[in-house]
C-alpha atoms as a PDB file:
ATOM      1  CA  MET A   1      60.918  71.933 111.385  1.00  0.00           C
ATOM      2  CA  LEU A   2      64.421  72.773 112.570  1.00  0.00           C
ATOM      3  CA  ILE A   3      67.645  71.355 111.145  1.00  0.00           C
ATOM      4  CA  GLN A   4      70.851  71.727 113.109  1.00  0.00           C
ATOM      5  CA  SER A   5      73.939  73.080 111.372  1.00  0.00           C
ATOM      6  CA  LYS A   6      75.681  69.709 111.668  1.00  0.00           C
ATOM      7  CA  GLU A   7      72.762  68.127 109.781  1.00  0.00           C
ATOM      8  CA  LEU A   8      72.734  70.866 107.148  1.00  0.00           C
ATOM      9  CA  LEU A   9      76.439  70.513 106.432  1.00  0.00           C
ATOM     10  CA  HIS A  10      77.020  67.561 104.079  1.00  0.00           C
ATOM     11  CA  LEU A  11      73.316  67.463 103.129  1.00  0.00           C
ATOM     12  CA  SER A  12      72.795  66.195  99.557  1.00  0.00           C
ATOM     13  CA  VAL A  13      71.643  68.823  97.048  1.00  0.00           C
ATOM     14  CA  GLU A  14      69.776  68.118  93.827  1.00  0.00           C
ATOM     15  CA  THR A  15      67.752  70.013  91.250  1.00  0.00           C
ATOM     16  CA  GLN A  16      64.009  69.679  90.693  1.00  0.00           C
ATOM     17  CA  ALA A  17      64.811  67.351  87.789  1.00  0.00           C
ATOM     18  CA  GLY A  18      66.803  65.100  90.129  1.00  0.00           C
ATOM     19  CA  TYR A  19      70.321  66.107  88.993  1.00  0.00           C
ATOM     20  CA  PHE A  20      72.726  65.612  91.913  1.00  0.00           C
ATOM     21  CA  LEU A  21      74.821  68.761  92.483  1.00  0.00           C
ATOM     22  CA  GLY A  22      76.838  67.792  95.555  1.00  0.00           C
ATOM     23  CA  LYS A  23      76.692  68.392  99.284  1.00  0.00           C
ATOM     24  CA  VAL A  24      76.312  71.516 101.406  1.00  0.00           C
ATOM     25  CA  SER A  25      79.774  72.613 102.507  1.00  0.00           C
ATOM     26  CA  GLY A  26      78.874  75.920 104.165  1.00  0.00           C
ATOM     27  CA  PHE A  27      76.433  78.806 104.341  1.00  0.00           C
ATOM     28  CA  ASP A  28      76.218  82.548 104.928  1.00  0.00           C
ATOM     29  CA  ILE A  29      73.947  84.005 107.592  1.00  0.00           C
ATOM     30  CA  ASP A  30      72.366  87.430 107.197  1.00  0.00           C
ATOM     31  CA  VAL A  31      72.878  88.897 110.659  1.00  0.00           C
ATOM     32  CA  ASP A  32      70.156  91.524 110.153  1.00  0.00           C
ATOM     33  CA  THR A  33      67.372  89.024 109.397  1.00  0.00           C
ATOM     34  CA  HIS A  34      68.864  85.972 111.156  1.00  0.00           C
ATOM     35  CA  THR A  35      68.355  83.861 108.032  1.00  0.00           C
ATOM     36  CA  ILE A  36      70.578  81.899 105.682  1.00  0.00           C
ATOM     37  CA  ALA A  37      71.425  84.030 102.637  1.00  0.00           C
ATOM     38  CA  ASN A  38      73.513  81.577 100.572  1.00  0.00           C
ATOM     39  CA  TYR A  39      74.451  77.924 100.608  1.00  0.00           C
ATOM     40  CA  TYR A  40      77.818  76.645  99.388  1.00  0.00           C
ATOM     41  CA  VAL A  41      77.557  73.312  97.607  1.00  0.00           C
ATOM     42  CA  ARG A  42      80.653  71.300  96.822  1.00  0.00           C
ATOM     43  CA  ALA A  43      80.446  68.996  93.814  1.00  0.00           C
ATOM     44  CA  MET A  44      81.595  65.471  94.524  1.00  0.00           C
ATOM     45  CA  THR A  45      83.314  65.084  91.149  1.00  0.00           C
ATOM     46  CA  PRO A  46      86.859  66.458  91.205  1.00  0.00           C
ATOM     47  CA  VAL A  47      88.240  68.628  88.412  1.00  0.00           C
ATOM     48  CA  ASN A  48      91.880  67.855  87.683  1.00  0.00           C
ATOM     49  CA  ILE A  49      94.158  70.867  87.431  1.00  0.00           C
ATOM     50  CA  LEU A  50      97.861  71.132  86.743  1.00  0.00           C
ATOM     51  CA  HIS A  51      99.086  70.859  90.342  1.00  0.00           C
ATOM     52  CA  GLY A  52      96.294  69.025  92.110  1.00  0.00           C
ATOM     53  CA  THR A  53      92.587  68.457  92.344  1.00  0.00           C
ATOM     54  CA  LEU A  54      89.893  71.097  92.619  1.00  0.00           C
ATOM     55  CA  TYR A  55      86.247  70.568  93.493  1.00  0.00           C
ATOM     56  CA  GLU A  56      83.653  72.712  91.755  1.00  0.00           C
ATOM     57  CA  GLN A  57      81.560  74.822  94.116  1.00  0.00           C
ATOM     58  CA  PHE A  58      78.108  76.298  93.602  1.00  0.00           C
ATOM     59  CA  ILE A  59      76.800  79.276  95.552  1.00  0.00           C
ATOM     60  CA  ILE A  60      73.042  78.933  95.832  1.00  0.00           C
ATOM     61  CA  SER A  61      70.861  81.803  97.014  1.00  0.00           C
ATOM     62  CA  GLN A  62      68.186  80.904  99.536  1.00  0.00           C
ATOM     63  CA  ARG A  63      65.653  82.143  96.956  1.00  0.00           C
ATOM     64  CA  MET A  64      66.572  79.205  94.690  1.00  0.00           C
ATOM     65  CA  VAL A  65      65.864  76.587  97.357  1.00  0.00           C
ATOM     66  CA  ILE A  66      62.567  74.785  96.855  1.00  0.00           C
ATOM     67  CA  SER A  67      62.663  72.450  99.847  1.00  0.00           C
ATOM     68  CA  ILE A  68      64.893  71.161 102.605  1.00  0.00           C
ATOM     69  CA  THR A  69      64.388  67.951 104.524  1.00  0.00           C
ATOM     70  CA  LYS A  70      66.769  65.969 106.703  1.00  0.00           C
ATOM     71  CA  GLU A  71      67.475  63.810 103.616  1.00  0.00           C
ATOM     72  CA  LYS A  72      68.155  66.424 100.913  1.00  0.00           C
ATOM     73  CA  MET A  73      67.843  69.965  99.595  1.00  0.00           C
ATOM     74  CA  VAL A  74      66.025  70.552  96.299  1.00  0.00           C
ATOM     75  CA  VAL A  75      66.883  73.645  94.259  1.00  0.00           C
ATOM     76  CA  GLU A  76      65.605  75.196  91.042  1.00  0.00           C
ATOM     77  CA  ASP A  77      66.785  73.603  87.818  1.00  0.00           C
ATOM     78  CA  SER A  78      68.246  76.937  86.719  1.00  0.00           C
ATOM     79  CA  VAL A  79      71.151  76.423  89.144  1.00  0.00           C
ATOM     80  CA  VAL A  80      72.812  74.197  86.527  1.00  0.00           C
ATOM     81  CA  ARG A  81      73.560  75.754  83.160  1.00  0.00           C
ATOM     82  CA  ASP A  82      73.544  73.825  79.915  1.00  0.00           C
ATOM     83  CA  LYS A  83      77.066  72.441  79.442  1.00  0.00           C
ATOM     84  CA  LYS A  84      76.991  73.520  75.770  1.00  0.00           C
ATOM     85  CA  GLU A  85      77.322  77.182  76.793  1.00  0.00           C
END
């Protein structure tokens, strides 16, 4: 199956456990292998900072991706660390 870049951008991303991480905001392409190396996922919940709003961003290696469909991307649970750390 092929997914066009316009479909990949803004695709919902969640962990195996169903935790919603955000949406794909970009990706890196390895020009030697012609494959995607990393996905950039922007969290939808803003973090307030002193002079504005910042959105948390995850960088997810292609090795951590379990599946991609036209509806969502599922990644390993280890992408999200325990918030107690």
